[in-house]
Amino acid sequence: ALTPARWDMLKTVLDGVIIRLNFGTTIDDLADDHIVQANRVGLPYCGYTWVDPTKDITRHLSVTRQAIDMFTPRGHFNDYEQYWQDWAAYMRQDLATAYATRFTPTQINNYNKKYHDKIVATSPVPIGSYSGDWFINTYSPAMGGWVKKSNYWDARYMRYYDAAWWAAKKKTLGEPFDISNMNVISVYA
C-alpha cells in the first residue's frame, strides 16, 4: 500500500485516481485503504476490475457489482487483457506455458462482451473499458468492434510504445524520477 506521504505527493500531480476494487471474484483488500487516502487528500476516484474469463461470469458480475455498491466510485473501468487460462504459469511468469493455455479469440470476445453488456445494464455508475491495441490485435480482433465505442481507456505503456523517448526521458529526469516530473511525462503521453 502507498504511505500517506506518497498520497500527499500524488495529490500534487493528479486530478483523480483509479483504484482496483476487485480482480475476478476477489475484492481487493487494499481498496478500502486507497479510498480512505484518496478521500483524505481530496482526489476523486473511479473503480477498476480485472476481468478474468476463467471465472463463472454470473459470480464475477455479482462481485463487481458488490464492489461498486460497497466502494461507491464515481465511475468504473473493466480491464480486458487476459488471454490465458493457467494462472499459476502466468504468476510465475512462465509466459510460454500461459500462452499455450490461451482462450480462442472468439472465447475472449464473447466472455468480455457479455460481461461488458451486463455490467453496463446494471451498474449505478458509468462504465468504461480498459484494453489496448496490442491485446485486441493479437488475441481478439473482434473486441475492436465494441470495446472502444464508449469511455475507452487505452493501455499505452511508454516503455513499449515509444521506447526511445522513454529511455531518453529517464536519462534527463533520472531514475527513479521525482513525482513532480509526472506532468512532463503525462503531457507527452
N, C-alpha and C. Protein backbone atom coordinates (compact mmCIF):
# COMPACT_ATOMS: atom_id res chain seq x y z
N ALA A 1 0.84 -1.19 0.00
CA ALA A 1 0.00 0.00 0.00
C ALA A 1 0.88 1.25 0.00
N LEU A 2 0.36 2.31 -0.56
CA LEU A 2 1.07 3.58 -0.56
C LEU A 2 0.96 4.22 0.82
N THR A 3 2.02 4.85 1.26
CA THR A 3 2.01 5.55 2.54
C THR A 3 1.23 6.85 2.41
N PRO A 4 0.76 7.41 3.52
CA PRO A 4 0.10 8.73 3.45
C PRO A 4 1.00 9.79 2.80
N ALA A 5 2.30 9.73 3.06
CA ALA A 5 3.22 10.71 2.45
C ALA A 5 3.23 10.57 0.92
N ARG A 6 3.15 9.35 0.42
CA ARG A 6 3.10 9.16 -1.04
C ARG A 6 1.79 9.69 -1.61
N TRP A 7 0.70 9.49 -0.89
CA TRP A 7 -0.57 10.06 -1.33
C TRP A 7 -0.50 11.58 -1.36
N ASP A 8 0.17 12.16 -0.39
CA ASP A 8 0.35 13.62 -0.37
C ASP A 8 1.11 14.08 -1.61
N MET A 9 2.12 13.32 -2.04
CA MET A 9 2.86 13.66 -3.26
C MET A 9 1.99 13.49 -4.49
N LEU A 10 1.22 12.41 -4.55
CA LEU A 10 0.35 12.18 -5.70
C LEU A 10 -0.65 13.32 -5.88
N LYS A 11 -1.13 13.85 -4.80
CA LYS A 11 -2.11 14.94 -4.86
C LYS A 11 -1.56 16.14 -5.63
N THR A 12 -0.24 16.32 -5.61
CA THR A 12 0.35 17.48 -6.28
C THR A 12 0.36 17.35 -7.79
N VAL A 13 0.20 16.14 -8.33
CA VAL A 13 0.31 15.95 -9.78
C VAL A 13 -0.90 15.27 -10.42
N LEU A 14 -1.87 14.85 -9.63
CA LEU A 14 -3.02 14.13 -10.18
C LEU A 14 -4.32 14.90 -9.95
N ASP A 15 -5.26 14.67 -10.85
CA ASP A 15 -6.60 15.23 -10.71
C ASP A 15 -7.59 14.20 -10.16
N GLY A 16 -7.21 12.93 -10.18
CA GLY A 16 -8.05 11.84 -9.72
C GLY A 16 -7.28 10.54 -9.83
N VAL A 17 -7.85 9.48 -9.28
CA VAL A 17 -7.19 8.18 -9.31
C VAL A 17 -8.18 7.09 -9.69
N ILE A 18 -7.63 6.00 -10.17
CA ILE A 18 -8.41 4.80 -10.46
C ILE A 18 -7.90 3.72 -9.51
N ILE A 19 -8.81 3.15 -8.75
CA ILE A 19 -8.47 2.19 -7.69
C ILE A 19 -9.08 0.83 -8.02
N ARG A 20 -8.23 -0.21 -7.98
CA ARG A 20 -8.74 -1.56 -8.24
C ARG A 20 -9.64 -1.98 -7.09
N LEU A 21 -10.87 -2.31 -7.41
CA LEU A 21 -11.83 -2.75 -6.40
C LEU A 21 -11.92 -4.26 -6.32
N ASN A 22 -11.77 -4.91 -7.46
CA ASN A 22 -11.79 -6.38 -7.46
C ASN A 22 -11.02 -6.90 -8.66
N PHE A 23 -10.57 -8.14 -8.52
CA PHE A 23 -9.95 -8.85 -9.63
C PHE A 23 -10.63 -10.20 -9.67
N GLY A 24 -11.28 -10.47 -10.81
CA GLY A 24 -12.09 -11.68 -10.88
C GLY A 24 -13.15 -11.64 -9.80
N THR A 25 -13.21 -12.70 -9.01
CA THR A 25 -14.23 -12.81 -7.97
C THR A 25 -13.68 -12.49 -6.58
N THR A 26 -12.59 -11.72 -6.53
CA THR A 26 -11.97 -11.36 -5.26
C THR A 26 -11.99 -9.85 -5.08
N ILE A 27 -12.54 -9.40 -3.96
CA ILE A 27 -12.49 -7.97 -3.61
C ILE A 27 -11.05 -7.65 -3.23
N ASP A 28 -10.52 -6.55 -3.74
CA ASP A 28 -9.14 -6.15 -3.45
C ASP A 28 -9.05 -5.67 -2.00
N ASP A 29 -8.19 -6.31 -1.21
CA ASP A 29 -8.11 -5.95 0.21
C ASP A 29 -7.39 -4.62 0.45
N LEU A 30 -6.83 -4.02 -0.59
CA LEU A 30 -6.21 -2.70 -0.46
C LEU A 30 -7.15 -1.56 -0.87
N ALA A 31 -8.27 -1.91 -1.47
CA ALA A 31 -9.18 -0.87 -2.00
C ALA A 31 -9.64 0.10 -0.91
N ASP A 32 -10.05 -0.43 0.20
CA ASP A 32 -10.57 0.45 1.26
C ASP A 32 -9.52 1.46 1.70
N ASP A 33 -8.28 1.02 1.92
CA ASP A 33 -7.22 1.94 2.34
C ASP A 33 -6.94 2.98 1.27
N HIS A 34 -6.90 2.55 0.01
CA HIS A 34 -6.66 3.51 -1.07
C HIS A 34 -7.78 4.56 -1.13
N ILE A 35 -9.00 4.14 -0.92
CA ILE A 35 -10.13 5.08 -0.97
C ILE A 35 -10.06 6.05 0.21
N VAL A 36 -9.73 5.55 1.38
CA VAL A 36 -9.56 6.44 2.55
C VAL A 36 -8.51 7.50 2.24
N GLN A 37 -7.39 7.08 1.67
CA GLN A 37 -6.31 8.03 1.37
C GLN A 37 -6.71 9.00 0.25
N ALA A 38 -7.38 8.50 -0.78
CA ALA A 38 -7.84 9.38 -1.86
C ALA A 38 -8.79 10.44 -1.31
N ASN A 39 -9.70 10.03 -0.47
CA ASN A 39 -10.62 10.98 0.16
C ASN A 39 -9.87 11.97 1.04
N ARG A 40 -8.88 11.49 1.79
CA ARG A 40 -8.12 12.35 2.69
C ARG A 40 -7.43 13.48 1.94
N VAL A 41 -6.86 13.16 0.77
CA VAL A 41 -6.13 14.20 0.02
C VAL A 41 -7.02 14.90 -1.01
N GLY A 42 -8.29 14.53 -1.07
CA GLY A 42 -9.23 15.21 -1.95
C GLY A 42 -9.17 14.81 -3.41
N LEU A 43 -8.73 13.57 -3.69
CA LEU A 43 -8.71 13.09 -5.08
C LEU A 43 -9.95 12.24 -5.35
N PRO A 44 -10.76 12.62 -6.35
CA PRO A 44 -11.88 11.77 -6.71
C PRO A 44 -11.36 10.45 -7.28
N TYR A 45 -12.17 9.40 -7.19
CA TYR A 45 -11.71 8.10 -7.68
C TYR A 45 -12.79 7.37 -8.47
N CYS A 46 -12.29 6.59 -9.42
CA CYS A 46 -13.11 5.63 -10.14
C CYS A 46 -12.63 4.24 -9.74
N GLY A 47 -13.48 3.26 -9.94
CA GLY A 47 -13.12 1.88 -9.64
C GLY A 47 -12.57 1.18 -10.87
N TYR A 48 -12.02 0.01 -10.63
CA TYR A 48 -11.35 -0.77 -11.67
C TYR A 48 -11.52 -2.25 -11.34
N THR A 49 -11.81 -3.05 -12.35
CA THR A 49 -11.93 -4.51 -12.21
C THR A 49 -11.07 -5.19 -13.25
N TRP A 50 -10.27 -6.16 -12.80
CA TRP A 50 -9.59 -7.06 -13.73
C TRP A 50 -10.61 -8.13 -14.10
N VAL A 51 -11.01 -8.17 -15.37
CA VAL A 51 -11.99 -9.14 -15.82
C VAL A 51 -11.26 -10.45 -16.14
N ASP A 52 -11.67 -11.51 -15.47
CA ASP A 52 -11.00 -12.82 -15.55
C ASP A 52 -11.93 -13.85 -16.18
N PRO A 53 -11.71 -14.18 -17.46
CA PRO A 53 -12.60 -15.11 -18.15
C PRO A 53 -12.51 -16.56 -17.66
N THR A 54 -11.64 -16.84 -16.67
CA THR A 54 -11.63 -18.19 -16.08
C THR A 54 -12.72 -18.32 -15.01
N LYS A 55 -13.33 -17.21 -14.63
CA LYS A 55 -14.33 -17.21 -13.57
C LYS A 55 -15.74 -17.34 -14.14
N ASP A 56 -16.62 -17.93 -13.36
CA ASP A 56 -18.03 -18.00 -13.72
C ASP A 56 -18.54 -16.56 -13.90
N ILE A 57 -19.12 -16.27 -15.04
CA ILE A 57 -19.47 -14.89 -15.36
C ILE A 57 -20.54 -14.33 -14.43
N THR A 58 -21.49 -15.15 -14.01
CA THR A 58 -22.54 -14.66 -13.11
C THR A 58 -21.94 -14.28 -11.76
N ARG A 59 -21.06 -15.11 -11.23
CA ARG A 59 -20.40 -14.81 -9.95
C ARG A 59 -19.49 -13.58 -10.09
N HIS A 60 -18.76 -13.52 -11.20
CA HIS A 60 -17.86 -12.40 -11.45
C HIS A 60 -18.63 -11.08 -11.47
N LEU A 61 -19.73 -11.04 -12.20
CA LEU A 61 -20.56 -9.84 -12.28
C LEU A 61 -21.12 -9.47 -10.90
N SER A 62 -21.50 -10.46 -10.14
CA SER A 62 -22.03 -10.22 -8.80
C SER A 62 -20.98 -9.57 -7.90
N VAL A 63 -19.74 -10.05 -7.95
CA VAL A 63 -18.68 -9.48 -7.12
C VAL A 63 -18.34 -8.06 -7.58
N THR A 64 -18.31 -7.84 -8.88
CA THR A 64 -18.04 -6.48 -9.38
C THR A 64 -19.12 -5.53 -8.93
N ARG A 65 -20.37 -5.93 -9.05
CA ARG A 65 -21.48 -5.08 -8.61
C ARG A 65 -21.41 -4.85 -7.09
N GLN A 66 -21.05 -5.89 -6.33
CA GLN A 66 -20.87 -5.75 -4.88
C GLN A 66 -19.79 -4.72 -4.58
N ALA A 67 -18.67 -4.77 -5.32
CA ALA A 67 -17.57 -3.82 -5.11
C ALA A 67 -18.01 -2.39 -5.44
N ILE A 68 -18.74 -2.22 -6.52
CA ILE A 68 -19.24 -0.89 -6.90
C ILE A 68 -20.16 -0.35 -5.80
N ASP A 69 -21.07 -1.19 -5.32
CA ASP A 69 -22.00 -0.76 -4.28
C ASP A 69 -21.28 -0.46 -2.97
N MET A 70 -20.27 -1.24 -2.64
CA MET A 70 -19.54 -1.09 -1.38
C MET A 70 -18.65 0.15 -1.38
N PHE A 71 -17.96 0.39 -2.49
CA PHE A 71 -16.95 1.46 -2.53
C PHE A 71 -17.43 2.76 -3.18
N THR A 72 -18.57 2.74 -3.82
CA THR A 72 -19.22 3.91 -4.45
C THR A 72 -18.28 4.80 -5.27
N PRO A 73 -17.62 4.25 -6.27
CA PRO A 73 -16.77 5.09 -7.13
C PRO A 73 -17.64 5.98 -8.01
N ARG A 74 -17.01 7.02 -8.58
CA ARG A 74 -17.73 7.91 -9.50
C ARG A 74 -18.02 7.24 -10.83
N GLY A 75 -17.18 6.31 -11.21
CA GLY A 75 -17.32 5.53 -12.43
C GLY A 75 -16.52 4.26 -12.23
N HIS A 76 -16.55 3.39 -13.24
CA HIS A 76 -15.86 2.11 -13.09
C HIS A 76 -15.32 1.64 -14.44
N PHE A 77 -14.09 1.13 -14.42
CA PHE A 77 -13.46 0.60 -15.63
C PHE A 77 -13.25 -0.90 -15.50
N ASN A 78 -13.49 -1.61 -16.59
CA ASN A 78 -13.23 -3.04 -16.66
C ASN A 78 -12.02 -3.27 -17.56
N ASP A 79 -11.05 -4.02 -17.05
CA ASP A 79 -9.81 -4.29 -17.76
C ASP A 79 -9.94 -5.61 -18.52
N TYR A 80 -9.89 -5.50 -19.84
CA TYR A 80 -10.00 -6.66 -20.72
C TYR A 80 -8.64 -6.94 -21.34
N GLU A 81 -7.80 -7.71 -20.64
CA GLU A 81 -6.46 -8.01 -21.15
C GLU A 81 -6.01 -9.45 -20.87
N GLN A 82 -6.90 -10.34 -20.54
CA GLN A 82 -6.48 -11.71 -20.19
C GLN A 82 -6.71 -12.66 -21.34
N TYR A 83 -5.63 -13.33 -21.76
CA TYR A 83 -5.72 -14.34 -22.82
C TYR A 83 -5.53 -15.75 -22.28
N TRP A 84 -4.95 -15.94 -21.10
CA TRP A 84 -4.55 -17.24 -20.56
C TRP A 84 -5.59 -17.83 -19.62
N GLN A 85 -5.51 -19.16 -19.48
CA GLN A 85 -6.33 -19.87 -18.52
C GLN A 85 -5.51 -20.35 -17.32
N ASP A 86 -4.20 -20.54 -17.49
CA ASP A 86 -3.33 -21.08 -16.45
C ASP A 86 -2.73 -19.94 -15.62
N TRP A 87 -3.40 -19.63 -14.51
CA TRP A 87 -2.93 -18.54 -13.64
C TRP A 87 -1.61 -18.87 -12.98
N ALA A 88 -1.39 -20.12 -12.61
CA ALA A 88 -0.13 -20.50 -11.95
C ALA A 88 1.05 -20.20 -12.86
N ALA A 89 0.93 -20.56 -14.13
CA ALA A 89 2.01 -20.30 -15.09
C ALA A 89 2.21 -18.79 -15.26
N TYR A 90 1.12 -18.06 -15.37
CA TYR A 90 1.24 -16.61 -15.54
C TYR A 90 1.90 -15.97 -14.32
N MET A 91 1.52 -16.36 -13.14
CA MET A 91 2.05 -15.74 -11.93
C MET A 91 3.54 -16.03 -11.74
N ARG A 92 4.01 -17.17 -12.22
CA ARG A 92 5.46 -17.42 -12.13
C ARG A 92 6.18 -16.89 -13.37
N GLN A 93 5.42 -16.16 -14.20
CA GLN A 93 5.92 -15.54 -15.43
C GLN A 93 6.48 -16.56 -16.43
N ASP A 94 5.90 -17.74 -16.43
CA ASP A 94 6.17 -18.76 -17.44
C ASP A 94 5.18 -18.49 -18.57
N LEU A 95 5.46 -17.45 -19.33
CA LEU A 95 4.50 -16.96 -20.32
C LEU A 95 4.30 -17.93 -21.48
N ALA A 96 5.29 -18.75 -21.77
CA ALA A 96 5.12 -19.76 -22.83
C ALA A 96 4.05 -20.77 -22.42
N THR A 97 4.08 -21.20 -21.17
CA THR A 97 3.06 -22.14 -20.70
C THR A 97 1.71 -21.45 -20.62
N ALA A 98 1.67 -20.24 -20.11
CA ALA A 98 0.41 -19.49 -20.05
C ALA A 98 -0.16 -19.31 -21.46
N TYR A 99 0.70 -18.97 -22.41
CA TYR A 99 0.26 -18.76 -23.80
C TYR A 99 -0.33 -20.05 -24.38
N ALA A 100 0.23 -21.18 -24.01
CA ALA A 100 -0.27 -22.46 -24.51
C ALA A 100 -1.69 -22.75 -24.01
N THR A 101 -2.12 -22.06 -22.95
CA THR A 101 -3.46 -22.27 -22.41
C THR A 101 -4.42 -21.13 -22.80
N ARG A 102 -4.05 -20.37 -23.82
CA ARG A 102 -4.85 -19.20 -24.16
C ARG A 102 -6.25 -19.58 -24.64
N PHE A 103 -7.16 -18.67 -24.40
CA PHE A 103 -8.51 -18.79 -24.92
C PHE A 103 -8.47 -18.50 -26.42
N THR A 104 -9.48 -18.95 -27.14
CA THR A 104 -9.58 -18.60 -28.55
C THR A 104 -10.03 -17.14 -28.66
N PRO A 105 -9.78 -16.50 -29.79
CA PRO A 105 -10.27 -15.12 -29.97
C PRO A 105 -11.78 -15.00 -29.74
N THR A 106 -12.54 -15.99 -30.19
CA THR A 106 -13.99 -15.96 -30.01
C THR A 106 -14.36 -16.08 -28.54
N GLN A 107 -13.69 -16.96 -27.80
CA GLN A 107 -13.98 -17.09 -26.37
C GLN A 107 -13.69 -15.79 -25.63
N ILE A 108 -12.57 -15.16 -25.94
CA ILE A 108 -12.21 -13.89 -25.29
C ILE A 108 -13.26 -12.83 -25.58
N ASN A 109 -13.61 -12.67 -26.85
CA ASN A 109 -14.59 -11.66 -27.23
C ASN A 109 -15.94 -11.94 -26.59
N ASN A 110 -16.41 -13.17 -26.68
CA ASN A 110 -17.74 -13.49 -26.18
C ASN A 110 -17.87 -13.25 -24.67
N TYR A 111 -16.88 -13.70 -23.90
CA TYR A 111 -16.93 -13.51 -22.46
C TYR A 111 -16.90 -12.02 -22.11
N ASN A 112 -15.93 -11.32 -22.68
CA ASN A 112 -15.77 -9.90 -22.36
C ASN A 112 -16.96 -9.06 -22.79
N LYS A 113 -17.50 -9.34 -23.96
CA LYS A 113 -18.66 -8.59 -24.46
C LYS A 113 -19.89 -8.85 -23.59
N LYS A 114 -20.11 -10.10 -23.22
CA LYS A 114 -21.24 -10.44 -22.36
C LYS A 114 -21.08 -9.75 -21.00
N TYR A 115 -19.87 -9.81 -20.45
CA TYR A 115 -19.58 -9.18 -19.17
C TYR A 115 -19.85 -7.67 -19.26
N HIS A 116 -19.30 -7.05 -20.30
CA HIS A 116 -19.47 -5.61 -20.51
C HIS A 116 -20.95 -5.22 -20.59
N ASP A 117 -21.69 -5.91 -21.44
CA ASP A 117 -23.09 -5.56 -21.65
C ASP A 117 -23.90 -5.70 -20.36
N LYS A 118 -23.64 -6.75 -19.61
CA LYS A 118 -24.41 -6.97 -18.38
C LYS A 118 -24.06 -5.96 -17.30
N ILE A 119 -22.79 -5.61 -17.14
CA ILE A 119 -22.43 -4.64 -16.09
C ILE A 119 -22.90 -3.23 -16.48
N VAL A 120 -22.84 -2.91 -17.75
CA VAL A 120 -23.35 -1.60 -18.20
C VAL A 120 -24.85 -1.50 -17.91
N ALA A 121 -25.57 -2.59 -18.12
CA ALA A 121 -27.03 -2.58 -17.92
C ALA A 121 -27.43 -2.49 -16.45
N THR A 122 -26.56 -2.88 -15.53
CA THR A 122 -26.96 -2.94 -14.12
C THR A 122 -26.19 -1.98 -13.21
N SER A 123 -25.17 -1.34 -13.69
CA SER A 123 -24.34 -0.51 -12.83
C SER A 123 -24.99 0.84 -12.51
N PRO A 124 -24.87 1.29 -11.26
CA PRO A 124 -25.38 2.61 -10.90
C PRO A 124 -24.43 3.75 -11.29
N VAL A 125 -23.22 3.40 -11.77
CA VAL A 125 -22.23 4.41 -12.17
C VAL A 125 -21.82 4.16 -13.62
N PRO A 126 -21.27 5.17 -14.29
CA PRO A 126 -20.81 4.97 -15.67
C PRO A 126 -19.72 3.91 -15.73
N ILE A 127 -19.77 3.11 -16.80
CA ILE A 127 -18.80 2.02 -17.00
C ILE A 127 -17.91 2.36 -18.19
N GLY A 128 -16.61 2.13 -18.02
CA GLY A 128 -15.66 2.29 -19.10
C GLY A 128 -14.90 0.99 -19.33
N SER A 129 -14.15 0.96 -20.40
CA SER A 129 -13.37 -0.21 -20.75
C SER A 129 -11.90 0.14 -20.86
N TYR A 130 -11.05 -0.78 -20.42
CA TYR A 130 -9.60 -0.62 -20.49
C TYR A 130 -9.02 -1.82 -21.22
N SER A 131 -8.26 -1.55 -22.26
CA SER A 131 -7.56 -2.60 -23.01
C SER A 131 -6.52 -1.88 -23.86
N GLY A 132 -5.99 -2.57 -24.83
CA GLY A 132 -5.00 -1.96 -25.70
C GLY A 132 -5.01 -2.59 -27.08
N ASP A 133 -4.56 -1.81 -28.05
CA ASP A 133 -4.47 -2.33 -29.42
C ASP A 133 -3.63 -3.60 -29.46
N TRP A 134 -2.55 -3.62 -28.68
CA TRP A 134 -1.68 -4.80 -28.67
C TRP A 134 -2.47 -6.04 -28.26
N PHE A 135 -3.38 -5.93 -27.30
CA PHE A 135 -4.16 -7.07 -26.86
C PHE A 135 -5.24 -7.42 -27.88
N ILE A 136 -5.98 -6.42 -28.29
CA ILE A 136 -7.07 -6.64 -29.24
C ILE A 136 -6.55 -7.25 -30.53
N ASN A 137 -5.51 -6.66 -31.11
CA ASN A 137 -4.99 -7.14 -32.39
C ASN A 137 -4.41 -8.55 -32.29
N THR A 138 -3.79 -8.87 -31.17
CA THR A 138 -3.15 -10.17 -31.01
C THR A 138 -4.11 -11.26 -30.58
N TYR A 139 -5.01 -10.96 -29.66
CA TYR A 139 -5.79 -12.02 -29.02
C TYR A 139 -7.27 -12.05 -29.35
N SER A 140 -7.86 -10.93 -29.76
CA SER A 140 -9.30 -10.94 -30.04
C SER A 140 -9.70 -9.73 -30.88
N PRO A 141 -9.38 -9.75 -32.18
CA PRO A 141 -9.69 -8.60 -33.04
C PRO A 141 -11.16 -8.18 -33.01
N ALA A 142 -12.07 -9.10 -32.77
CA ALA A 142 -13.49 -8.74 -32.74
C ALA A 142 -13.81 -7.76 -31.61
N MET A 143 -13.01 -7.74 -30.56
CA MET A 143 -13.24 -6.79 -29.47
C MET A 143 -13.16 -5.35 -29.96
N GLY A 144 -12.36 -5.11 -31.00
CA GLY A 144 -12.22 -3.76 -31.53
C GLY A 144 -13.54 -3.17 -31.99
N GLY A 145 -14.51 -4.02 -32.30
CA GLY A 145 -15.81 -3.55 -32.77
C GLY A 145 -16.71 -3.00 -31.68
N TRP A 146 -16.39 -3.25 -30.41
CA TRP A 146 -17.26 -2.75 -29.34
C TRP A 146 -16.51 -2.07 -28.19
N VAL A 147 -15.30 -2.51 -27.87
CA VAL A 147 -14.65 -2.05 -26.65
C VAL A 147 -14.30 -0.56 -26.69
N LYS A 148 -14.07 -0.02 -27.85
CA LYS A 148 -13.68 1.39 -27.96
C LYS A 148 -14.86 2.33 -28.20
N LYS A 149 -16.06 1.81 -28.17
CA LYS A 149 -17.24 2.61 -28.53
C LYS A 149 -17.59 3.68 -27.50
N SER A 150 -17.29 3.46 -26.23
CA SER A 150 -17.64 4.48 -25.24
C SER A 150 -16.71 4.40 -24.04
N ASN A 151 -16.30 5.56 -23.57
CA ASN A 151 -15.49 5.67 -22.35
C ASN A 151 -14.33 4.68 -22.34
N TYR A 152 -13.51 4.75 -23.38
CA TYR A 152 -12.40 3.80 -23.55
C TYR A 152 -11.10 4.39 -23.03
N TRP A 153 -10.39 3.60 -22.24
CA TRP A 153 -9.08 3.95 -21.67
C TRP A 153 -8.07 3.02 -22.31
N ASP A 154 -7.17 3.57 -23.11
CA ASP A 154 -6.23 2.77 -23.89
C ASP A 154 -4.93 2.51 -23.13
N ALA A 155 -4.53 1.26 -23.07
CA ALA A 155 -3.28 0.87 -22.40
C ALA A 155 -2.11 1.24 -23.31
N ARG A 156 -1.46 2.32 -23.00
CA ARG A 156 -0.31 2.80 -23.78
C ARG A 156 0.87 2.96 -22.84
N TYR A 157 1.66 1.94 -22.72
CA TYR A 157 2.82 1.98 -21.84
C TYR A 157 3.99 2.57 -22.61
N MET A 158 4.52 3.67 -22.12
CA MET A 158 5.57 4.40 -22.84
C MET A 158 6.77 3.51 -23.15
N ARG A 159 7.14 2.63 -22.25
CA ARG A 159 8.32 1.79 -22.49
C ARG A 159 8.14 0.87 -23.69
N TYR A 160 6.88 0.60 -24.08
CA TYR A 160 6.62 -0.23 -25.26
C TYR A 160 6.30 0.61 -26.49
N TYR A 161 5.50 1.66 -26.32
CA TYR A 161 5.03 2.41 -27.46
C TYR A 161 6.02 3.45 -27.97
N ASP A 162 6.87 3.95 -27.10
CA ASP A 162 7.87 4.92 -27.52
C ASP A 162 9.12 4.72 -26.67
N ALA A 163 9.75 3.57 -26.87
CA ALA A 163 10.89 3.17 -26.04
C ALA A 163 12.05 4.16 -26.13
N ALA A 164 12.30 4.73 -27.30
CA ALA A 164 13.41 5.68 -27.45
C ALA A 164 13.14 6.94 -26.63
N TRP A 165 11.93 7.49 -26.73
CA TRP A 165 11.59 8.68 -25.94
C TRP A 165 11.70 8.37 -24.45
N TRP A 166 11.17 7.22 -24.04
CA TRP A 166 11.18 6.85 -22.62
C TRP A 166 12.61 6.70 -22.10
N ALA A 167 13.48 6.07 -22.87
CA ALA A 167 14.88 5.91 -22.45
C ALA A 167 15.56 7.27 -22.32
N ALA A 168 15.32 8.16 -23.27
CA ALA A 168 15.92 9.50 -23.23
C ALA A 168 15.37 10.29 -22.04
N LYS A 169 14.08 10.18 -21.81
CA LYS A 169 13.45 10.92 -20.70
C LYS A 169 13.97 10.42 -19.35
N LYS A 170 14.19 9.13 -19.21
CA LYS A 170 14.74 8.60 -17.96
C LYS A 170 16.14 9.15 -17.71
N LYS A 171 16.92 9.34 -18.78
CA LYS A 171 18.26 9.93 -18.62
C LYS A 171 18.16 11.37 -18.17
N THR A 172 17.20 12.11 -18.73
CA THR A 172 17.02 13.52 -18.38
C THR A 172 16.48 13.68 -16.95
N LEU A 173 15.48 12.89 -16.60
CA LEU A 173 14.80 13.05 -15.32
C LEU A 173 15.43 12.24 -14.19
N GLY A 174 16.24 11.27 -14.56
CA GLY A 174 16.79 10.37 -13.55
C GLY A 174 15.84 9.21 -13.31
N GLU A 175 16.37 8.19 -12.66
CA GLU A 175 15.55 7.02 -12.38
C GLU A 175 15.87 6.51 -10.99
N PRO A 176 14.90 6.45 -10.08
CA PRO A 176 13.52 6.84 -10.34
C PRO A 176 13.40 8.36 -10.39
N PHE A 177 12.45 8.87 -11.16
CA PHE A 177 12.29 10.31 -11.28
C PHE A 177 11.39 10.84 -10.18
N ASP A 178 11.55 12.11 -9.88
CA ASP A 178 10.73 12.77 -8.87
C ASP A 178 9.29 12.86 -9.38
N ILE A 179 8.34 12.63 -8.51
CA ILE A 179 6.93 12.63 -8.87
C ILE A 179 6.49 13.95 -9.50
N SER A 180 7.16 15.03 -9.16
CA SER A 180 6.79 16.33 -9.74
C SER A 180 6.99 16.34 -11.25
N ASN A 181 7.79 15.43 -11.78
CA ASN A 181 8.01 15.35 -13.22
C ASN A 181 6.92 14.57 -13.96
N MET A 182 5.96 14.05 -13.24
CA MET A 182 4.88 13.30 -13.88
C MET A 182 4.11 14.18 -14.86
N ASN A 183 4.01 15.46 -14.57
CA ASN A 183 3.32 16.36 -15.51
C ASN A 183 4.02 16.41 -16.86
N VAL A 184 5.35 16.39 -16.88
CA VAL A 184 6.11 16.39 -18.12
C VAL A 184 5.81 15.11 -18.91
N ILE A 185 5.77 14.00 -18.21
CA ILE A 185 5.51 12.72 -18.87
C ILE A 185 4.07 12.65 -19.36
N SER A 186 3.12 13.08 -18.54
CA SER A 186 1.71 12.97 -18.92
C SER A 186 1.37 13.85 -20.12
N VAL A 187 2.00 15.02 -20.23
CA VAL A 187 1.75 15.89 -21.39
C VAL A 187 2.16 15.17 -22.67
N TYR A 188 3.31 14.51 -22.64
CA TYR A 188 3.78 13.79 -23.83
C TYR A 188 2.89 12.58 -24.12
N ALA A 189 2.54 11.85 -23.06
CA ALA A 189 1.71 10.65 -23.25
C ALA A 189 0.35 11.03 -23.81
